[in-house]
Amino acid sequence: MKTIQNSCHPDGWPAGRPMKTSEAWKIVGGLSKPSKMPGWSIGLPAKECKTGSKLRKVKGSTCFDCYALKGCYVFKVVQDAQYKRLEAIKSPLWVAAMTILINSKKSKYFRWHDSGDVQDLNHLNKIFDVCRLTPDIKHWMPTREAWIKDHVSRAPDNLIIRFSMPMIDQPAVKSWPHTSTVVTAGATCPAPSQEGQCKDCRNCWNKEIKNVSYGQH
């Protein structure tokens, strides 16, 4: 008996059949929904941050007492989900799946990495692709990976990349178009005074705001 194989795209997805949201969720490993944020995010394991892993050993750094390595983040179910998302980035279906998930949400704001950070150039390029395919969404990506500065000029218009200063009370560098800082006094982030939530503030996504300063916590 002759076996007839289904025609498939090079990436392995069946040709002519759109991906369902449930299938996209399974490929990506799910999104995260920080209670503080106005929209969705995706969390990766903080232990796998390239620069952050080094800064965690430096007293006075913003990663020394990393929030993503305590509290609910240490629960096994959360860690398992984060590592699944990390592995999923390698999938040729990841860009399509992320695009479907983000476009399926009502919120017009997305934060990259409520925990974790960009892994490498391939990961960054895939994020750029997702942003281009979700043009109606405003994307914000904080990062401590200094090498990304060489690629900021290629970022889609709907993505703002903020370099997070590595040390507490360290002034924002002027070599990056957008930054964020952690300060012991004079924070501009209003969340602590409004139940720990962004509420109607969207400064992190606003390209007119050059630096956002967060209070040390």
N, C-alpha and C. Protein backbone atom coordinates (compact mmCIF):
# COMPACT_ATOMS: atom_id res chain seq x y z
N MET A 1 0.84 -1.19 0.00
CA MET A 1 0.00 0.00 0.00
C MET A 1 0.88 1.24 0.00
N LYS A 2 0.54 2.17 -0.86
CA LYS A 2 1.32 3.40 -0.97
C LYS A 2 0.95 4.37 0.15
N THR A 3 1.99 4.90 0.81
CA THR A 3 1.76 5.86 1.88
C THR A 3 1.79 7.27 1.33
N ILE A 4 0.77 8.06 1.60
CA ILE A 4 0.70 9.44 1.14
C ILE A 4 0.98 10.35 2.33
N GLN A 5 2.03 11.13 2.21
CA GLN A 5 2.40 12.04 3.29
C GLN A 5 1.77 13.41 3.07
N ASN A 6 1.35 14.04 4.15
CA ASN A 6 0.78 15.38 4.07
C ASN A 6 1.85 16.38 3.69
N SER A 7 1.47 17.33 2.87
CA SER A 7 2.39 18.40 2.51
C SER A 7 2.57 19.33 3.70
N CYS A 8 3.82 19.70 4.00
CA CYS A 8 4.10 20.55 5.16
C CYS A 8 5.01 21.70 4.76
N HIS A 9 4.93 22.77 5.51
CA HIS A 9 5.87 23.87 5.36
C HIS A 9 7.25 23.39 5.79
N PRO A 10 8.31 24.07 5.34
CA PRO A 10 9.66 23.69 5.77
C PRO A 10 9.83 23.69 7.29
N ASP A 11 9.03 24.53 7.98
CA ASP A 11 9.16 24.58 9.43
C ASP A 11 8.40 23.47 10.13
N GLY A 12 7.73 22.63 9.36
CA GLY A 12 7.05 21.48 9.95
C GLY A 12 5.57 21.67 10.19
N TRP A 13 5.05 22.88 9.97
CA TRP A 13 3.62 23.10 10.19
C TRP A 13 2.84 22.69 8.95
N PRO A 14 1.72 21.98 9.09
CA PRO A 14 0.94 21.52 7.95
C PRO A 14 0.56 22.68 7.02
N ALA A 15 0.82 22.52 5.74
CA ALA A 15 0.52 23.57 4.77
C ALA A 15 -0.98 23.79 4.68
N GLY A 16 -1.37 25.05 4.59
CA GLY A 16 -2.76 25.39 4.37
C GLY A 16 -3.64 25.37 5.61
N ARG A 17 -3.06 25.05 6.78
CA ARG A 17 -3.88 25.04 8.00
C ARG A 17 -3.37 26.08 8.98
N PRO A 18 -4.19 27.05 9.34
CA PRO A 18 -3.75 28.08 10.29
C PRO A 18 -3.51 27.49 11.68
N MET A 19 -2.56 28.06 12.37
CA MET A 19 -2.24 27.62 13.73
C MET A 19 -3.28 28.15 14.71
N LYS A 20 -3.79 27.29 15.57
CA LYS A 20 -4.75 27.69 16.59
C LYS A 20 -4.01 28.34 17.77
N THR A 21 -4.73 29.19 18.49
CA THR A 21 -4.13 29.84 19.65
C THR A 21 -3.67 28.81 20.68
N SER A 22 -4.45 27.76 20.86
CA SER A 22 -4.08 26.71 21.82
C SER A 22 -2.80 26.00 21.38
N GLU A 23 -2.63 25.84 20.08
CA GLU A 23 -1.43 25.20 19.57
C GLU A 23 -0.22 26.12 19.72
N ALA A 24 -0.45 27.42 19.49
CA ALA A 24 0.63 28.40 19.66
C ALA A 24 1.08 28.45 21.11
N TRP A 25 0.11 28.40 22.03
CA TRP A 25 0.42 28.42 23.46
C TRP A 25 1.32 27.23 23.83
N LYS A 26 0.99 26.08 23.28
CA LYS A 26 1.76 24.87 23.57
C LYS A 26 3.17 24.96 23.01
N ILE A 27 3.32 25.53 21.82
CA ILE A 27 4.65 25.66 21.20
C ILE A 27 5.53 26.60 22.01
N VAL A 28 4.97 27.74 22.41
CA VAL A 28 5.74 28.76 23.13
C VAL A 28 6.00 28.35 24.58
N GLY A 29 5.06 27.61 25.16
CA GLY A 29 5.16 27.29 26.57
C GLY A 29 4.36 28.25 27.43
N GLY A 30 3.52 29.05 26.77
CA GLY A 30 2.65 29.97 27.48
C GLY A 30 3.26 31.34 27.71
N LEU A 31 2.42 32.31 27.98
CA LEU A 31 2.84 33.66 28.33
C LEU A 31 2.66 33.87 29.83
N SER A 32 3.18 34.95 30.34
CA SER A 32 2.97 35.30 31.74
C SER A 32 2.14 36.57 31.82
N LYS A 33 1.46 36.74 32.93
CA LYS A 33 0.56 37.89 33.12
C LYS A 33 0.90 38.57 34.44
N PRO A 34 1.94 39.42 34.45
CA PRO A 34 2.30 40.12 35.69
C PRO A 34 1.14 40.98 36.17
N SER A 35 0.81 40.88 37.45
CA SER A 35 -0.33 41.62 37.98
C SER A 35 -0.13 43.13 37.90
N LYS A 36 1.12 43.56 37.87
CA LYS A 36 1.43 44.98 37.81
C LYS A 36 1.16 45.58 36.44
N MET A 37 1.30 44.77 35.40
CA MET A 37 1.33 45.27 34.03
C MET A 37 -0.05 45.43 33.40
N PRO A 38 -0.13 46.28 32.37
CA PRO A 38 -1.39 46.45 31.66
C PRO A 38 -1.62 45.36 30.61
N GLY A 39 -0.61 44.54 30.37
CA GLY A 39 -0.71 43.52 29.34
C GLY A 39 0.05 42.26 29.72
N TRP A 40 0.43 41.52 28.70
CA TRP A 40 1.08 40.23 28.89
C TRP A 40 2.60 40.35 28.76
N SER A 41 3.27 39.27 29.12
CA SER A 41 4.72 39.23 29.04
C SER A 41 5.14 37.78 28.77
N ILE A 42 6.43 37.55 28.72
CA ILE A 42 6.95 36.18 28.65
C ILE A 42 8.14 36.10 29.59
N GLY A 43 8.11 35.13 30.48
CA GLY A 43 9.16 35.00 31.47
C GLY A 43 10.09 33.84 31.18
N LEU A 44 11.38 34.10 31.24
CA LEU A 44 12.41 33.08 31.08
C LEU A 44 13.13 32.92 32.42
N PRO A 45 13.85 31.83 32.62
CA PRO A 45 14.53 31.64 33.90
C PRO A 45 15.64 32.66 34.13
N ALA A 46 15.57 33.36 35.25
CA ALA A 46 16.57 34.38 35.58
C ALA A 46 17.96 33.76 35.75
N LYS A 47 17.99 32.50 36.12
CA LYS A 47 19.29 31.82 36.29
C LYS A 47 20.06 31.74 34.98
N GLU A 48 19.35 31.86 33.87
CA GLU A 48 19.99 31.73 32.55
C GLU A 48 20.33 33.09 31.93
N CYS A 49 20.16 34.18 32.66
CA CYS A 49 20.58 35.48 32.15
C CYS A 49 22.10 35.47 31.96
N LYS A 50 22.56 35.95 30.84
CA LYS A 50 24.00 35.95 30.55
C LYS A 50 24.73 36.95 31.45
N THR A 51 24.35 38.20 31.36
CA THR A 51 24.99 39.24 32.17
C THR A 51 24.46 39.22 33.60
N GLY A 52 23.17 38.99 33.75
CA GLY A 52 22.57 38.97 35.07
C GLY A 52 23.17 37.93 35.99
N SER A 53 23.57 36.79 35.44
CA SER A 53 24.18 35.74 36.24
C SER A 53 25.49 36.19 36.87
N LYS A 54 26.19 37.07 36.17
CA LYS A 54 27.44 37.62 36.71
C LYS A 54 27.14 38.71 37.74
N LEU A 55 26.15 39.55 37.43
CA LEU A 55 25.81 40.65 38.32
C LEU A 55 25.22 40.17 39.64
N ARG A 56 24.61 38.99 39.66
CA ARG A 56 24.04 38.47 40.90
C ARG A 56 25.10 38.29 41.98
N LYS A 57 26.35 38.18 41.58
CA LYS A 57 27.45 37.97 42.54
C LYS A 57 28.06 39.30 42.99
N VAL A 58 27.55 40.41 42.44
CA VAL A 58 28.13 41.72 42.72
C VAL A 58 27.21 42.50 43.66
N LYS A 59 27.66 42.73 44.86
CA LYS A 59 26.86 43.48 45.83
C LYS A 59 26.70 44.92 45.35
N GLY A 60 25.48 45.42 45.43
CA GLY A 60 25.19 46.76 44.96
C GLY A 60 24.68 46.80 43.53
N SER A 61 24.67 45.64 42.89
CA SER A 61 24.13 45.57 41.53
C SER A 61 22.62 45.40 41.59
N THR A 62 21.96 45.69 40.50
CA THR A 62 20.50 45.57 40.44
C THR A 62 20.06 44.11 40.39
N CYS A 63 21.00 43.21 40.17
CA CYS A 63 20.67 41.78 40.10
C CYS A 63 21.07 41.04 41.38
N PHE A 64 21.71 41.72 42.32
CA PHE A 64 22.22 41.07 43.52
C PHE A 64 21.10 40.42 44.33
N ASP A 65 19.95 41.07 44.40
CA ASP A 65 18.79 40.54 45.12
C ASP A 65 17.63 40.41 44.14
N CYS A 66 17.87 39.68 43.08
CA CYS A 66 16.94 39.58 41.95
C CYS A 66 15.54 39.12 42.38
N TYR A 67 14.53 39.90 42.02
CA TYR A 67 13.15 39.58 42.38
C TYR A 67 12.68 38.30 41.72
N ALA A 68 13.29 37.97 40.55
CA ALA A 68 12.87 36.78 39.80
C ALA A 68 13.52 35.50 40.30
N LEU A 69 14.22 35.60 41.44
CA LEU A 69 14.83 34.41 42.05
C LEU A 69 14.29 34.19 43.47
N LYS A 70 13.12 34.76 43.73
CA LYS A 70 12.49 34.57 45.03
C LYS A 70 10.97 34.67 44.86
N GLY A 71 10.26 34.46 45.96
CA GLY A 71 8.80 34.51 45.88
C GLY A 71 8.22 33.41 45.01
N CYS A 72 7.18 33.73 44.29
CA CYS A 72 6.50 32.74 43.45
C CYS A 72 7.38 32.23 42.31
N TYR A 73 8.41 33.01 41.96
CA TYR A 73 9.26 32.61 40.85
C TYR A 73 10.04 31.32 41.13
N VAL A 74 10.22 30.97 42.39
CA VAL A 74 11.02 29.78 42.71
C VAL A 74 10.17 28.51 42.74
N PHE A 75 8.85 28.64 42.62
CA PHE A 75 8.00 27.45 42.62
C PHE A 75 8.37 26.56 41.42
N LYS A 76 8.35 25.27 41.64
CA LYS A 76 8.75 24.33 40.59
C LYS A 76 7.91 24.50 39.33
N VAL A 77 6.63 24.70 39.48
CA VAL A 77 5.76 24.83 38.32
C VAL A 77 6.14 26.06 37.49
N VAL A 78 6.56 27.13 38.17
CA VAL A 78 6.98 28.35 37.46
C VAL A 78 8.32 28.12 36.77
N GLN A 79 9.25 27.50 37.48
CA GLN A 79 10.57 27.22 36.90
C GLN A 79 10.45 26.30 35.69
N ASP A 80 9.63 25.27 35.81
CA ASP A 80 9.44 24.34 34.70
C ASP A 80 8.89 25.06 33.47
N ALA A 81 7.94 25.95 33.69
CA ALA A 81 7.34 26.71 32.59
C ALA A 81 8.36 27.63 31.94
N GLN A 82 9.19 28.27 32.75
CA GLN A 82 10.21 29.19 32.22
C GLN A 82 11.24 28.45 31.38
N TYR A 83 11.67 27.29 31.85
CA TYR A 83 12.66 26.53 31.08
C TYR A 83 12.06 25.95 29.80
N LYS A 84 10.78 25.66 29.85
CA LYS A 84 10.11 25.21 28.63
C LYS A 84 10.07 26.33 27.60
N ARG A 85 9.80 27.56 28.06
CA ARG A 85 9.79 28.71 27.16
C ARG A 85 11.18 28.98 26.58
N LEU A 86 12.18 28.79 27.41
CA LEU A 86 13.56 29.01 26.96
C LEU A 86 13.91 28.04 25.84
N GLU A 87 13.57 26.77 26.02
CA GLU A 87 13.85 25.76 25.00
C GLU A 87 13.03 26.02 23.74
N ALA A 88 11.82 26.55 23.90
CA ALA A 88 10.92 26.78 22.77
C ALA A 88 11.46 27.80 21.78
N ILE A 89 12.33 28.69 22.23
CA ILE A 89 12.88 29.72 21.34
C ILE A 89 13.59 29.10 20.15
N LYS A 90 14.11 27.89 20.33
CA LYS A 90 14.85 27.21 19.26
C LYS A 90 13.93 26.71 18.15
N SER A 91 12.65 26.62 18.44
CA SER A 91 11.70 26.08 17.46
C SER A 91 11.52 27.02 16.27
N PRO A 92 11.50 26.47 15.05
CA PRO A 92 11.24 27.30 13.87
C PRO A 92 9.81 27.84 13.84
N LEU A 93 8.97 27.33 14.73
CA LEU A 93 7.58 27.79 14.81
C LEU A 93 7.39 28.90 15.85
N TRP A 94 8.47 29.24 16.57
CA TRP A 94 8.34 30.16 17.70
C TRP A 94 7.84 31.53 17.29
N VAL A 95 8.37 32.10 16.23
CA VAL A 95 7.96 33.44 15.79
C VAL A 95 6.47 33.45 15.44
N ALA A 96 6.04 32.47 14.67
CA ALA A 96 4.62 32.39 14.28
C ALA A 96 3.73 32.22 15.50
N ALA A 97 4.15 31.36 16.42
CA ALA A 97 3.34 31.09 17.61
C ALA A 97 3.26 32.32 18.52
N MET A 98 4.39 33.00 18.73
CA MET A 98 4.38 34.21 19.55
C MET A 98 3.50 35.28 18.92
N THR A 99 3.57 35.41 17.62
CA THR A 99 2.76 36.40 16.91
C THR A 99 1.28 36.14 17.12
N ILE A 100 0.88 34.89 16.99
CA ILE A 100 -0.53 34.53 17.17
C ILE A 100 -0.98 34.81 18.60
N LEU A 101 -0.16 34.45 19.57
CA LEU A 101 -0.54 34.67 20.96
C LEU A 101 -0.69 36.14 21.30
N ILE A 102 0.29 36.94 20.90
CA ILE A 102 0.24 38.37 21.21
C ILE A 102 -0.93 39.05 20.52
N ASN A 103 -1.16 38.70 19.26
CA ASN A 103 -2.28 39.30 18.53
C ASN A 103 -3.64 38.85 19.06
N SER A 104 -3.66 37.73 19.77
CA SER A 104 -4.92 37.22 20.29
C SER A 104 -5.37 37.94 21.56
N LYS A 105 -4.47 38.71 22.17
CA LYS A 105 -4.78 39.39 23.42
C LYS A 105 -5.40 40.77 23.17
N LYS A 106 -6.23 41.21 24.09
CA LYS A 106 -6.89 42.51 23.94
C LYS A 106 -5.93 43.67 24.20
N SER A 107 -4.95 43.45 25.07
CA SER A 107 -4.03 44.53 25.42
C SER A 107 -3.15 44.91 24.25
N LYS A 108 -2.85 46.21 24.13
CA LYS A 108 -2.00 46.72 23.07
C LYS A 108 -0.58 46.97 23.57
N TYR A 109 -0.26 46.42 24.75
CA TYR A 109 1.07 46.60 25.33
C TYR A 109 1.65 45.24 25.71
N PHE A 110 2.92 45.04 25.37
CA PHE A 110 3.58 43.78 25.69
C PHE A 110 4.96 44.06 26.25
N ARG A 111 5.30 43.38 27.33
CA ARG A 111 6.64 43.49 27.89
C ARG A 111 7.41 42.20 27.63
N TRP A 112 8.60 42.36 27.10
CA TRP A 112 9.47 41.21 26.92
C TRP A 112 10.24 40.96 28.21
N HIS A 113 10.07 39.74 28.74
CA HIS A 113 10.88 39.23 29.85
C HIS A 113 10.59 39.91 31.19
N ASP A 114 9.49 39.52 31.81
CA ASP A 114 9.29 39.93 33.20
C ASP A 114 10.29 39.22 34.10
N SER A 115 10.91 38.20 33.58
CA SER A 115 12.09 37.58 34.18
C SER A 115 12.94 37.06 33.02
N GLY A 116 14.26 37.01 33.25
CA GLY A 116 15.15 36.56 32.18
C GLY A 116 15.54 37.69 31.24
N ASP A 117 16.29 37.33 30.20
CA ASP A 117 16.80 38.33 29.28
C ASP A 117 17.10 37.68 27.93
N VAL A 118 17.48 38.50 26.97
CA VAL A 118 17.83 38.01 25.63
C VAL A 118 19.02 37.06 25.73
N GLN A 119 18.94 35.96 25.02
CA GLN A 119 19.97 34.94 25.10
C GLN A 119 21.12 35.13 24.11
N ASP A 120 20.78 35.52 22.90
CA ASP A 120 21.80 35.67 21.86
C ASP A 120 21.20 36.45 20.68
N LEU A 121 22.01 36.63 19.63
CA LEU A 121 21.55 37.41 18.48
C LEU A 121 20.38 36.74 17.77
N ASN A 122 20.38 35.44 17.69
CA ASN A 122 19.28 34.74 17.05
C ASN A 122 17.97 35.00 17.78
N HIS A 123 18.03 34.97 19.10
CA HIS A 123 16.86 35.28 19.92
C HIS A 123 16.39 36.70 19.67
N LEU A 124 17.32 37.65 19.66
CA LEU A 124 16.97 39.05 19.42
C LEU A 124 16.31 39.22 18.05
N ASN A 125 16.86 38.59 17.03
CA ASN A 125 16.29 38.71 15.69
C ASN A 125 14.87 38.15 15.64
N LYS A 126 14.64 37.09 16.37
CA LYS A 126 13.29 36.52 16.41
C LYS A 126 12.31 37.48 17.11
N ILE A 127 12.78 38.14 18.15
CA ILE A 127 11.94 39.13 18.83
C ILE A 127 11.60 40.26 17.86
N PHE A 128 12.58 40.72 17.11
CA PHE A 128 12.33 41.75 16.10
C PHE A 128 11.26 41.29 15.11
N ASP A 129 11.34 40.03 14.69
CA ASP A 129 10.36 39.50 13.73
C ASP A 129 8.96 39.51 14.33
N VAL A 130 8.85 39.10 15.59
CA VAL A 130 7.54 39.08 16.25
C VAL A 130 6.96 40.49 16.34
N CYS A 131 7.81 41.45 16.67
CA CYS A 131 7.33 42.84 16.78
C CYS A 131 6.84 43.36 15.42
N ARG A 132 7.55 43.02 14.37
CA ARG A 132 7.12 43.46 13.03
C ARG A 132 5.78 42.84 12.64
N LEU A 133 5.54 41.63 13.12
CA LEU A 133 4.31 40.91 12.79
C LEU A 133 3.15 41.26 13.72
N THR A 134 3.43 42.10 14.71
CA THR A 134 2.38 42.59 15.63
C THR A 134 2.43 44.12 15.64
N PRO A 135 2.22 44.76 14.50
CA PRO A 135 2.42 46.21 14.37
C PRO A 135 1.50 47.07 15.22
N ASP A 136 0.37 46.51 15.66
CA ASP A 136 -0.57 47.29 16.47
C ASP A 136 -0.26 47.22 17.96
N ILE A 137 0.78 46.48 18.31
CA ILE A 137 1.16 46.31 19.71
C ILE A 137 2.41 47.14 20.01
N LYS A 138 2.42 47.79 21.16
CA LYS A 138 3.61 48.49 21.62
C LYS A 138 4.43 47.56 22.50
N HIS A 139 5.67 47.33 22.11
CA HIS A 139 6.54 46.40 22.82
C HIS A 139 7.61 47.16 23.61
N TRP A 140 7.89 46.66 24.81
CA TRP A 140 8.97 47.21 25.64
C TRP A 140 9.87 46.06 26.07
N MET A 141 11.18 46.25 25.90
CA MET A 141 12.12 45.22 26.30
C MET A 141 13.26 45.81 27.11
N PRO A 142 13.28 45.60 28.43
CA PRO A 142 14.44 45.99 29.22
C PRO A 142 15.53 44.94 29.05
N THR A 143 16.78 45.35 29.09
CA THR A 143 17.87 44.37 28.95
C THR A 143 19.13 44.89 29.63
N ARG A 144 19.95 43.96 30.09
CA ARG A 144 21.27 44.29 30.62
C ARG A 144 22.37 43.81 29.68
N GLU A 145 21.97 43.36 28.50
CA GLU A 145 22.94 42.87 27.53
C GLU A 145 23.45 44.03 26.68
N ALA A 146 24.66 44.51 27.00
CA ALA A 146 25.21 45.70 26.35
C ALA A 146 25.43 45.53 24.85
N TRP A 147 25.67 44.30 24.40
CA TRP A 147 25.93 44.07 22.97
C TRP A 147 24.73 44.41 22.10
N ILE A 148 23.56 44.46 22.69
CA ILE A 148 22.35 44.75 21.91
C ILE A 148 22.38 46.17 21.35
N LYS A 149 23.16 47.05 21.95
CA LYS A 149 23.23 48.44 21.47
C LYS A 149 23.59 48.50 19.98
N ASP A 150 24.40 47.58 19.50
CA ASP A 150 24.79 47.56 18.10
C ASP A 150 23.64 47.21 17.17
N HIS A 151 22.52 46.77 17.74
CA HIS A 151 21.39 46.32 16.92
C HIS A 151 20.12 47.15 17.16
N VAL A 152 20.21 48.13 18.04
CA VAL A 152 19.03 48.95 18.36
C VAL A 152 18.49 49.67 17.13
N SER A 153 19.37 50.08 16.25
CA SER A 153 18.94 50.81 15.05
C SER A 153 18.09 49.93 14.12
N ARG A 154 18.19 48.62 14.27
CA ARG A 154 17.40 47.69 13.44
C ARG A 154 16.06 47.35 14.07
N ALA A 155 15.84 47.78 15.28
CA ALA A 155 14.61 47.42 15.99
C ALA A 155 13.38 48.01 15.30
N PRO A 156 12.29 47.27 15.23
CA PRO A 156 11.04 47.79 14.66
C PRO A 156 10.57 49.03 15.43
N ASP A 157 9.83 49.88 14.76
CA ASP A 157 9.38 51.15 15.37
C ASP A 157 8.49 50.94 16.59
N ASN A 158 7.81 49.81 16.66
CA ASN A 158 6.89 49.57 17.79
C ASN A 158 7.56 48.87 18.97
N LEU A 159 8.89 48.81 18.94
CA LEU A 159 9.65 48.21 20.04
C LEU A 159 10.60 49.23 20.65
N ILE A 160 10.52 49.41 21.97
CA ILE A 160 11.47 50.25 22.68
C ILE A 160 12.36 49.34 23.52
N ILE A 161 13.66 49.49 23.36
CA ILE A 161 14.64 48.72 24.12
C ILE A 161 15.28 49.66 25.13
N ARG A 162 15.16 49.32 26.39
CA ARG A 162 15.77 50.13 27.45
C ARG A 162 16.93 49.36 28.08
N PHE A 163 18.10 49.97 28.06
CA PHE A 163 19.24 49.37 28.72
C PHE A 163 19.12 49.62 30.22
N SER A 164 19.10 48.54 30.99
CA SER A 164 18.96 48.64 32.43
C SER A 164 20.34 48.80 33.07
N MET A 165 20.56 49.92 33.71
CA MET A 165 21.86 50.17 34.34
C MET A 165 22.14 49.09 35.39
N PRO A 166 23.34 48.53 35.38
CA PRO A 166 23.63 47.37 36.24
C PRO A 166 23.78 47.65 37.72
N MET A 167 24.08 48.88 38.10
CA MET A 167 24.32 49.17 39.51
C MET A 167 23.24 50.10 40.07
N ILE A 168 22.90 49.89 41.32
CA ILE A 168 21.92 50.76 42.00
C ILE A 168 22.49 52.18 42.12
N ASP A 169 21.67 53.16 41.80
CA ASP A 169 22.05 54.59 41.82
C ASP A 169 23.09 54.96 40.77
N GLN A 170 23.26 54.10 39.78
CA GLN A 170 24.17 54.43 38.68
C GLN A 170 23.44 55.32 37.67
N PRO A 171 24.02 56.46 37.31
CA PRO A 171 23.37 57.34 36.33
C PRO A 171 23.19 56.64 34.98
N ALA A 172 22.16 57.04 34.27
CA ALA A 172 21.90 56.47 32.95
C ALA A 172 22.99 56.90 31.97
N VAL A 173 23.44 55.95 31.17
CA VAL A 173 24.44 56.26 30.15
C VAL A 173 23.77 57.00 29.00
N LYS A 174 24.51 57.86 28.34
CA LYS A 174 23.96 58.64 27.23
C LYS A 174 24.16 57.96 25.88
N SER A 175 24.89 56.85 25.88
CA SER A 175 25.18 56.17 24.61
C SER A 175 24.00 55.31 24.13
N TRP A 176 23.01 55.11 25.01
CA TRP A 176 21.80 54.39 24.63
C TRP A 176 20.66 55.40 24.48
N PRO A 177 19.79 55.21 23.50
CA PRO A 177 18.68 56.15 23.33
C PRO A 177 17.66 56.07 24.46
N HIS A 178 17.50 54.88 25.05
CA HIS A 178 16.54 54.71 26.14
C HIS A 178 17.14 53.82 27.22
N THR A 179 16.88 54.18 28.47
CA THR A 179 17.47 53.46 29.59
C THR A 179 16.48 53.33 30.74
N SER A 180 16.90 52.56 31.74
CA SER A 180 16.18 52.51 33.01
C SER A 180 17.21 52.39 34.13
N THR A 181 16.87 52.92 35.29
CA THR A 181 17.77 52.90 36.43
C THR A 181 17.02 52.44 37.67
N VAL A 182 17.78 51.99 38.66
CA VAL A 182 17.22 51.65 39.96
C VAL A 182 17.86 52.61 40.97
N VAL A 183 17.03 53.30 41.72
CA VAL A 183 17.53 54.35 42.62
C VAL A 183 17.00 54.16 44.04
N THR A 184 17.76 54.68 44.99
CA THR A 184 17.32 54.61 46.39
C THR A 184 16.43 55.79 46.75
N ALA A 185 16.41 56.82 45.89
CA ALA A 185 15.56 57.98 46.11
C ALA A 185 15.28 58.68 44.79
N GLY A 186 14.10 59.27 44.66
CA GLY A 186 13.78 60.03 43.46
C GLY A 186 13.28 59.21 42.28
N ALA A 187 12.68 58.06 42.54
CA ALA A 187 12.17 57.22 41.45
C ALA A 187 11.05 57.92 40.69
N THR A 188 10.99 57.69 39.38
CA THR A 188 9.91 58.26 38.56
C THR A 188 8.78 57.26 38.31
N CYS A 189 9.03 55.98 38.53
CA CYS A 189 7.97 54.97 38.36
C CYS A 189 6.93 55.16 39.46
N PRO A 190 5.67 55.34 39.10
CA PRO A 190 4.63 55.62 40.10
C PRO A 190 4.03 54.38 40.76
N ALA A 191 4.41 53.19 40.31
CA ALA A 191 3.76 51.97 40.78
C ALA A 191 3.68 51.83 42.31
N PRO A 192 4.76 52.12 43.05
CA PRO A 192 4.69 51.94 44.51
C PRO A 192 3.59 52.76 45.17
N SER A 193 3.21 53.88 44.57
CA SER A 193 2.19 54.75 45.17
C SER A 193 0.80 54.45 44.63
N GLN A 194 0.69 53.45 43.75
CA GLN A 194 -0.62 53.09 43.21
C GLN A 194 -0.79 51.57 43.19
N GLU A 195 -0.67 51.04 44.41
CA GLU A 195 -0.93 49.62 44.66
C GLU A 195 0.00 48.70 43.88
N GLY A 196 1.21 49.17 43.57
CA GLY A 196 2.19 48.35 42.87
C GLY A 196 1.85 48.06 41.42
N GLN A 197 1.01 48.91 40.82
CA GLN A 197 0.55 48.67 39.45
C GLN A 197 0.88 49.85 38.53
N CYS A 198 0.96 49.55 37.23
CA CYS A 198 1.18 50.60 36.24
C CYS A 198 -0.03 51.51 36.15
N LYS A 199 -1.21 50.91 36.27
CA LYS A 199 -2.48 51.62 36.06
C LYS A 199 -2.44 52.36 34.72
N ASP A 200 -2.58 53.70 34.70
CA ASP A 200 -2.62 54.38 33.41
C ASP A 200 -1.25 54.86 32.94
N CYS A 201 -0.19 54.55 33.67
CA CYS A 201 1.17 54.95 33.26
C CYS A 201 1.69 54.00 32.18
N ARG A 202 2.25 54.60 31.13
CA ARG A 202 2.84 53.81 30.04
C ARG A 202 4.24 54.34 29.70
N ASN A 203 4.91 54.94 30.67
CA ASN A 203 6.22 55.55 30.42
C ASN A 203 7.25 54.56 29.90
N CYS A 204 7.20 53.33 30.36
CA CYS A 204 8.18 52.33 29.93
C CYS A 204 8.10 52.07 28.42
N TRP A 205 6.91 52.25 27.86
CA TRP A 205 6.69 52.03 26.43
C TRP A 205 6.81 53.33 25.62
N ASN A 206 7.02 54.43 26.29
CA ASN A 206 7.00 55.75 25.64
C ASN A 206 8.41 56.16 25.21
N LYS A 207 8.62 56.29 23.91
CA LYS A 207 9.95 56.64 23.41
C LYS A 207 10.34 58.09 23.71
N GLU A 208 9.39 58.90 24.10
CA GLU A 208 9.72 60.27 24.48
C GLU A 208 10.33 60.33 25.88
N ILE A 209 10.16 59.27 26.63
CA ILE A 209 10.74 59.17 27.98
C ILE A 209 12.10 58.49 27.84
N LYS A 210 13.16 59.24 28.01
CA LYS A 210 14.50 58.69 27.79
C LYS A 210 14.92 57.72 28.88
N ASN A 211 14.57 58.04 30.13
CA ASN A 211 14.95 57.15 31.23
C ASN A 211 13.78 57.01 32.21
N VAL A 212 13.59 55.80 32.66
CA VAL A 212 12.62 55.51 33.71
C VAL A 212 13.40 55.01 34.92
N SER A 213 13.16 55.59 36.07
CA SER A 213 13.88 55.17 37.28
C SER A 213 12.91 54.45 38.23
N TYR A 214 13.34 53.31 38.70
CA TYR A 214 12.53 52.49 39.61
C TYR A 214 13.13 52.55 41.00
N GLY A 215 12.28 52.57 42.01
CA GLY A 215 12.76 52.54 43.38
C GLY A 215 13.33 51.19 43.74
N GLN A 216 14.38 51.16 44.50
CA GLN A 216 14.97 49.90 44.94
C GLN A 216 13.97 49.14 45.80
N HIS A 217 13.82 47.84 45.53
CA HIS A 217 12.92 47.03 46.34
C HIS A 217 13.46 45.61 46.44
